[in-house]
Amino acid sequence: MKRVAVIGGGAWGTALALVAARAGAGVMLWARDPAVITAINERHENPVYLPGIALDPTIGATSELEAALNHAEAALLVVPAQFMRGVLGRLQRLLPPGMPLLRCAEGIEIESLQTISELAQELVPGSPLAVLSGPSFAGEVARDLPTAVTIASGEPELAEAFMGRLGTARFRPYRSDDPIGVEIGGAVKNVLAIACGIVEGRGLGDNARAALVTRGLSEMIRLGVAKGGQADTFRGLSGLGDLVLTCTAGQSRNYTLGLALGRGMSLGEALSARRSVIEGVATAAAVARLAARLDVEMPITAAVEGVLHHGVAIDAMIEALLSRPYRSE
């Protein structure tokens, strides 16, 4: 994997391009925005999504998928979950046979209720697949601050190959053999982060947030196990680690969205000023439907989905959660 293609020119795609370049790979990044492409190629920066971060001058950018894949030996998929089907459809005719893919976006497709890995298996079945997730804000990764993530695959040698390609002293990947669990953790934590932001915005206190994180983790585990994941996965970086970060930090887009909602802003108002996709909004609907399909109880997720998509008042949602029957932990 001496050369990699990064498919997605947002903050996380740009940060991972930097990670790969620091680890010694040649990198070509595919983006839609002409301003991003021009800035990366001419000024070695992405002022739209990662302002103030100097990029390695060896990183190139293009709007042509075929050019991004030219000479690449692996590809990182870093486009939002709800756009992944379209991108994978275009990649079908372009990917060289057997090119490894690393899924770096989080979420579940609303229409099919498939994870990104399931989408890839359907649309590009000849490409070996691994998954990257974990507690990692793009800005901190781009600034080369210490970060640990999980890389998961059913093929241990593939996970190890991506670990070797991306790993540095400051970006530490850990291997997992549970891609399903890693994907479910990465998706559900965004929904729970919105809930934690609402709790903070309503001034319900740190006790309430700690309870929500803990009970939310239980929901995450139930869904992950029902999908075929391993319970222990959710106690690691891609489960508890990512959940704690996303539910407590002001850098979290999902948390700050919930914060705005909790303070009385409408969803439309809260989203209007944000350029980046807030994955938890669509994921809440997808996870709630998936939980219903699998007969998994997820009251916090259902409550968030009700607020976001069905007009449920936040105070009514909170009252409903607090009125649930007592039960064993």
Protein backbone atom coordinates (compact mmCIF):
# COMPACT_ATOMS: atom_id res chain seq x y z
CA MET A 1 0.00 0.00 0.00
CA LYS A 2 2.54 2.60 -1.09
CA ARG A 3 -0.18 4.77 -2.63
CA VAL A 4 -3.72 5.27 -1.31
CA ALA A 5 -6.81 7.05 -2.55
CA VAL A 6 -8.90 8.97 -0.02
CA ILE A 7 -12.51 9.23 -1.19
CA GLY A 8 -13.99 12.26 0.54
CA GLY A 9 -12.67 15.80 0.96
CA GLY A 10 -14.27 16.80 4.26
CA ALA A 11 -12.47 17.31 7.55
CA TRP A 12 -12.06 13.61 8.34
CA GLY A 13 -10.98 12.65 4.82
CA THR A 14 -8.41 15.44 4.80
CA ALA A 15 -7.13 14.47 8.24
CA LEU A 16 -6.73 10.83 7.17
CA ALA A 17 -4.92 11.95 4.03
CA LEU A 18 -2.46 13.69 6.35
CA VAL A 19 -2.16 10.55 8.48
CA ALA A 20 -1.34 8.42 5.42
CA ALA A 21 1.18 10.96 4.14
CA ARG A 22 2.92 11.11 7.54
CA ALA A 23 3.15 7.32 7.46
CA GLY A 24 4.94 7.52 4.10
CA ALA A 25 2.15 6.86 1.60
CA GLY A 26 1.50 8.73 -1.59
CA VAL A 27 -2.02 10.18 -1.34
CA MET A 28 -4.58 11.38 -3.86
CA LEU A 29 -7.79 12.78 -2.38
CA TRP A 30 -11.12 12.86 -4.21
CA ALA A 31 -13.47 15.74 -3.40
CA ARG A 32 -16.58 17.32 -4.93
CA ASP A 33 -15.91 20.96 -4.02
CA PRO A 34 -13.73 22.74 -6.62
CA ALA A 35 -12.62 25.27 -3.98
CA VAL A 36 -11.30 22.45 -1.79
CA ILE A 37 -9.47 20.82 -4.69
CA THR A 38 -7.85 24.08 -5.77
CA ALA A 39 -6.79 24.98 -2.24
CA ILE A 40 -5.23 21.57 -1.59
CA ASN A 41 -3.32 21.53 -4.88
CA GLU A 42 -2.19 25.15 -4.89
CA ARG A 43 -1.95 26.21 -1.24
CA HIS A 44 -1.73 22.84 0.55
CA GLU A 45 -4.69 23.53 2.83
CA ASN A 46 -8.39 22.78 3.13
CA PRO A 47 -9.78 26.13 4.31
CA VAL A 48 -13.38 24.95 4.01
CA TYR A 49 -13.24 21.99 6.41
CA LEU A 50 -9.83 22.21 8.17
CA PRO A 51 -8.89 25.89 8.28
CA GLY A 52 -5.48 26.75 9.63
CA ILE A 53 -3.98 23.27 9.08
CA ALA A 54 -1.00 22.98 6.72
CA LEU A 55 -1.19 19.88 4.55
CA ASP A 56 1.69 17.78 3.32
CA PRO A 57 2.56 19.16 -0.14
CA THR A 58 2.68 15.61 -1.53
CA ILE A 59 -1.11 15.27 -1.06
CA GLY A 60 -2.96 15.87 -4.32
CA ALA A 61 -6.67 16.39 -4.92
CA THR A 62 -8.99 15.71 -7.85
CA SER A 63 -12.66 15.73 -8.76
CA GLU A 64 -12.26 12.59 -10.91
CA LEU A 65 -12.65 9.26 -9.15
CA GLU A 66 -10.65 7.50 -11.85
CA ALA A 67 -7.73 9.89 -11.34
CA ALA A 68 -7.87 9.39 -7.58
CA LEU A 69 -7.65 5.62 -8.01
CA ASN A 70 -4.89 5.74 -10.61
CA HIS A 71 -1.87 3.79 -9.24
CA ALA A 72 -3.57 3.49 -5.81
CA GLU A 73 -3.17 0.19 -3.99
CA ALA A 74 -5.95 0.81 -1.45
CA ALA A 75 -8.79 3.27 -0.92
CA LEU A 76 -10.20 4.95 2.19
CA LEU A 77 -13.96 5.60 2.01
CA VAL A 78 -14.71 8.83 3.90
CA VAL A 79 -17.99 10.14 2.48
CA PRO A 80 -21.13 10.48 4.65
CA ALA A 81 -23.16 7.31 5.07
CA GLN A 82 -26.23 8.55 3.19
CA PHE A 83 -24.09 9.33 0.10
CA MET A 84 -22.04 6.13 0.21
CA ARG A 85 -24.31 4.09 -2.07
CA GLY A 86 -23.91 6.58 -4.91
CA VAL A 87 -20.14 6.69 -4.54
CA LEU A 88 -19.83 2.90 -4.35
CA GLY A 89 -22.01 2.63 -7.44
CA ARG A 90 -19.54 4.80 -9.32
CA LEU A 91 -16.61 2.82 -7.93
CA GLN A 92 -18.03 -0.47 -9.24
CA ARG A 93 -16.55 -0.01 -12.70
CA LEU A 94 -13.37 1.75 -11.55
CA LEU A 95 -11.93 -0.33 -8.73
CA PRO A 96 -9.16 -2.71 -9.75
CA PRO A 97 -9.98 -6.32 -8.84
CA GLY A 98 -9.15 -7.04 -5.22
CA MET A 99 -8.31 -3.45 -4.19
CA PRO A 100 -8.66 -3.23 -0.38
CA LEU A 101 -11.10 -0.69 1.04
CA LEU A 102 -11.06 0.91 4.47
CA ARG A 103 -14.45 2.24 5.57
CA CYS A 104 -13.88 5.41 7.62
CA ALA A 105 -17.40 6.94 7.60
CA GLU A 106 -19.99 6.20 10.27
CA GLY A 107 -23.69 5.56 9.97
CA ILE A 108 -26.43 3.28 8.67
CA GLU A 109 -28.22 3.84 5.39
CA ILE A 110 -31.81 4.92 6.03
CA GLU A 111 -33.43 3.18 3.07
CA SER A 112 -31.81 -0.24 3.36
CA LEU A 113 -30.79 -0.19 7.06
CA GLN A 114 -27.42 -1.54 5.92
CA THR A 115 -24.10 -0.64 7.47
CA ILE A 116 -21.42 0.76 5.17
CA SER A 117 -19.70 -2.63 5.10
CA GLU A 118 -22.93 -4.32 4.04
CA LEU A 119 -23.34 -1.75 1.28
CA ALA A 120 -19.80 -2.37 0.09
CA GLN A 121 -20.30 -6.13 0.12
CA GLU A 122 -23.38 -5.66 -2.04
CA LEU A 123 -21.94 -3.17 -4.53
CA VAL A 124 -18.21 -3.99 -4.69
CA PRO A 125 -18.08 -7.61 -3.50
CA GLY A 126 -14.64 -8.23 -4.95
CA SER A 127 -12.94 -5.71 -2.67
CA PRO A 128 -11.60 -6.85 0.73
CA LEU A 129 -12.97 -4.55 3.43
CA ALA A 130 -11.81 -3.22 6.80
CA VAL A 131 -13.38 -0.64 9.12
CA LEU A 132 -11.77 2.26 10.99
CA SER A 133 -13.49 3.92 13.95
CA GLY A 134 -12.70 5.30 17.38
CA PRO A 135 -12.41 8.47 19.48
CA SER A 136 -10.90 10.84 16.95
CA PHE A 137 -11.72 14.44 16.13
CA ALA A 138 -10.41 15.40 12.69
CA GLY A 139 -8.82 18.64 13.87
CA GLU A 140 -6.75 16.93 16.55
CA VAL A 141 -5.67 14.17 14.18
CA ALA A 142 -4.69 16.79 11.60
CA ARG A 143 -2.62 18.63 14.22
CA ASP A 144 -0.83 15.34 14.98
CA LEU A 145 -2.13 15.08 18.54
CA PRO A 146 -2.06 11.56 20.06
CA THR A 147 -5.01 9.44 18.89
CA ALA A 148 -5.93 5.76 19.13
CA VAL A 149 -8.46 4.06 16.84
CA THR A 150 -9.72 0.59 15.97
CA ILE A 151 -9.22 -1.07 12.59
CA ALA A 152 -11.44 -4.13 12.22
CA SER A 153 -11.74 -6.84 9.61
CA GLY A 154 -12.71 -10.46 9.37
CA GLU A 155 -9.33 -10.88 7.62
CA PRO A 156 -6.63 -10.18 10.26
CA GLU A 157 -3.92 -9.68 7.65
CA LEU A 158 -5.97 -6.93 5.98
CA ALA A 159 -6.47 -5.07 9.26
CA GLU A 160 -2.76 -5.36 9.95
CA ALA A 161 -1.90 -4.07 6.48
CA PHE A 162 -3.97 -0.93 7.06
CA MET A 163 -2.47 -0.57 10.54
CA GLY A 164 0.99 -0.63 9.01
CA ARG A 165 0.00 1.85 6.31
CA LEU A 166 -1.59 4.42 8.66
CA GLY A 167 0.07 3.86 12.02
CA THR A 168 2.53 6.40 13.44
CA ALA A 169 3.73 7.29 16.92
CA ARG A 170 0.84 9.77 17.19
CA PHE A 171 -1.86 7.77 15.36
CA ARG A 172 -2.13 4.36 16.99
CA PRO A 173 -4.45 1.75 15.44
CA TYR A 174 -5.54 -1.35 17.37
CA ARG A 175 -6.77 -4.45 15.57
CA SER A 176 -10.22 -6.00 15.98
CA ASP A 177 -11.87 -9.00 14.32
CA ASP A 178 -15.37 -7.55 14.85
CA PRO A 179 -16.21 -5.10 12.06
CA ILE A 180 -19.95 -5.38 12.79
CA GLY A 181 -19.51 -4.28 16.39
CA VAL A 182 -17.17 -1.47 15.40
CA GLU A 183 -19.66 -0.15 12.82
CA ILE A 184 -22.63 -0.29 15.19
CA GLY A 185 -20.66 1.52 17.89
CA GLY A 186 -19.61 4.24 15.48
CA ALA A 187 -23.19 4.78 14.33
CA VAL A 188 -25.08 4.67 17.62
CA LYS A 189 -22.70 6.94 19.55
CA ASN A 190 -23.69 9.85 17.28
CA VAL A 191 -27.33 9.46 18.28
CA LEU A 192 -26.42 9.27 21.96
CA ALA A 193 -24.24 12.37 21.61
CA ILE A 194 -27.28 14.33 20.43
CA ALA A 195 -29.13 13.10 23.52
CA CYS A 196 -26.27 14.21 25.78
CA GLY A 197 -26.24 17.63 24.16
CA ILE A 198 -29.97 17.96 24.83
CA VAL A 199 -29.39 17.03 28.48
CA GLU A 200 -26.72 19.71 28.79
CA GLY A 201 -28.77 22.28 26.91
CA ARG A 202 -31.72 21.70 29.25
CA GLY A 203 -29.48 22.06 32.31
CA LEU A 204 -30.23 18.60 33.66
CA GLY A 205 -26.77 18.18 35.18
CA ASP A 206 -23.76 15.90 35.04
CA ASN A 207 -25.52 13.08 36.88
CA ALA A 208 -28.11 12.85 34.12
CA ARG A 209 -25.46 12.86 31.41
CA ALA A 210 -23.48 10.09 33.11
CA ALA A 211 -26.64 8.01 33.43
CA LEU A 212 -27.48 8.59 29.78
CA VAL A 213 -24.01 7.56 28.60
CA THR A 214 -24.16 4.39 30.70
CA ARG A 215 -27.65 3.37 29.67
CA GLY A 216 -26.89 4.39 26.09
CA LEU A 217 -23.93 2.03 26.09
CA SER A 218 -26.32 -0.77 27.07
CA GLU A 219 -28.51 0.08 24.08
CA MET A 220 -25.48 0.07 21.80
CA ILE A 221 -24.41 -3.36 23.04
CA ARG A 222 -27.90 -4.84 22.63
CA LEU A 223 -28.14 -3.70 19.03
CA GLY A 224 -24.58 -4.73 18.21
CA VAL A 225 -25.02 -8.23 19.60
CA ALA A 226 -28.35 -8.60 17.77
CA LYS A 227 -26.53 -7.72 14.53
CA GLY A 228 -23.86 -10.33 15.23
CA GLY A 229 -21.23 -8.21 16.95
CA GLN A 230 -19.26 -9.08 20.07
CA ALA A 231 -20.19 -7.49 23.40
CA ASP A 232 -16.54 -6.92 24.36
CA THR A 233 -16.02 -4.69 21.31
CA PHE A 234 -18.22 -2.00 22.87
CA ARG A 235 -15.96 -1.72 25.89
CA GLY A 236 -13.07 -0.66 23.64
CA LEU A 237 -12.05 2.36 21.61
CA SER A 238 -14.82 2.11 19.01
CA GLY A 239 -17.51 1.68 21.67
CA LEU A 240 -17.03 3.24 25.10
CA GLY A 241 -14.03 5.32 24.02
CA ASP A 242 -15.80 6.96 21.11
CA LEU A 243 -19.01 7.33 23.11
CA VAL A 244 -17.34 9.19 25.98
CA LEU A 245 -15.53 11.55 23.61
CA THR A 246 -18.54 12.33 21.45
CA CYS A 247 -20.90 12.81 24.40
CA THR A 248 -18.70 15.19 26.38
CA ALA A 249 -16.64 17.35 24.01
CA GLY A 250 -17.58 20.69 22.50
CA GLN A 251 -15.87 19.66 19.26
CA SER A 252 -18.53 17.01 18.64
CA ARG A 253 -20.94 18.13 15.91
CA ASN A 254 -23.65 15.78 17.19
CA TYR A 255 -23.26 16.94 20.80
CA THR A 256 -23.38 20.63 19.85
CA LEU A 257 -26.46 20.00 17.72
CA GLY A 258 -28.18 18.46 20.75
CA LEU A 259 -26.99 21.38 22.86
CA ALA A 260 -28.67 23.83 20.47
CA LEU A 261 -31.88 21.79 20.51
CA GLY A 262 -31.85 21.62 24.29
CA ARG A 263 -31.54 25.40 24.46
CA GLY A 264 -34.68 25.84 22.37
CA MET A 265 -33.46 26.06 18.79
CA SER A 266 -35.40 24.21 16.11
CA LEU A 267 -33.71 21.45 14.12
CA GLY A 268 -33.82 23.55 10.96
CA GLU A 269 -32.21 26.49 12.73
CA ALA A 270 -29.57 24.30 14.32
CA LEU A 271 -28.62 22.73 11.00
CA SER A 272 -28.74 25.85 8.86
CA ALA A 273 -25.43 27.27 10.05
CA ARG A 274 -23.50 23.99 9.71
CA ARG A 275 -21.61 23.04 6.59
CA SER A 276 -20.60 19.53 7.64
CA VAL A 277 -23.04 16.62 7.74
CA ILE A 278 -24.38 15.78 11.22
CA GLU A 279 -24.48 12.00 10.90
CA GLY A 280 -26.58 11.44 14.00
CA VAL A 281 -29.68 13.06 12.47
CA ALA A 282 -30.14 10.49 9.73
CA THR A 283 -28.64 7.71 11.84
CA ALA A 284 -31.25 8.20 14.57
CA ALA A 285 -34.00 7.27 12.13
CA ALA A 286 -32.03 4.35 10.70
CA VAL A 287 -31.05 2.94 14.10
CA ALA A 288 -34.60 3.25 15.46
CA ARG A 289 -35.96 1.32 12.47
CA LEU A 290 -33.19 -1.28 12.67
CA ALA A 291 -33.86 -1.79 16.38
CA ALA A 292 -37.55 -2.32 15.66
CA ARG A 293 -36.72 -4.82 12.93
CA LEU A 294 -34.44 -6.77 15.29
CA ASP A 295 -36.81 -6.38 18.28
CA VAL A 296 -34.16 -4.55 20.34
CA GLU A 297 -35.27 -2.10 23.03
CA MET A 298 -33.52 1.28 22.60
CA PRO A 299 -35.55 3.91 24.50
CA ILE A 300 -32.94 6.69 24.34
CA THR A 301 -32.48 6.26 20.61
CA ALA A 302 -36.26 6.18 20.10
CA ALA A 303 -36.60 9.37 22.14
CA VAL A 304 -33.99 11.22 20.07
CA GLU A 305 -35.56 9.98 16.85
CA GLY A 306 -38.93 11.26 18.06
CA VAL A 307 -37.55 14.73 18.71
CA LEU A 308 -35.65 14.92 15.42
CA HIS A 309 -38.18 13.41 13.03
CA HIS A 310 -41.62 13.32 14.62
CA GLY A 311 -41.98 16.65 16.37
CA VAL A 312 -41.92 15.27 19.91
CA ALA A 313 -41.33 18.08 22.40
CA ILE A 314 -38.06 17.78 24.29
CA ASP A 315 -39.69 18.16 27.72
CA ALA A 316 -42.20 15.44 26.85
CA MET A 317 -39.35 13.20 25.67
CA ILE A 318 -37.46 13.73 28.93
CA GLU A 319 -40.57 13.08 31.01
CA ALA A 320 -41.26 9.86 29.11
CA LEU A 321 -37.73 8.58 29.72
CA LEU A 322 -37.85 9.46 33.43
CA SER A 323 -41.24 7.75 33.79
CA ARG A 324 -40.09 4.37 32.53
CA PRO A 325 -40.56 1.46 34.97
CA TYR A 326 -37.67 0.60 37.27
CA ARG A 327 -35.69 -2.46 36.18
CA SER A 328 -32.52 -4.39 36.95
CA GLU A 329 -29.30 -3.10 35.45
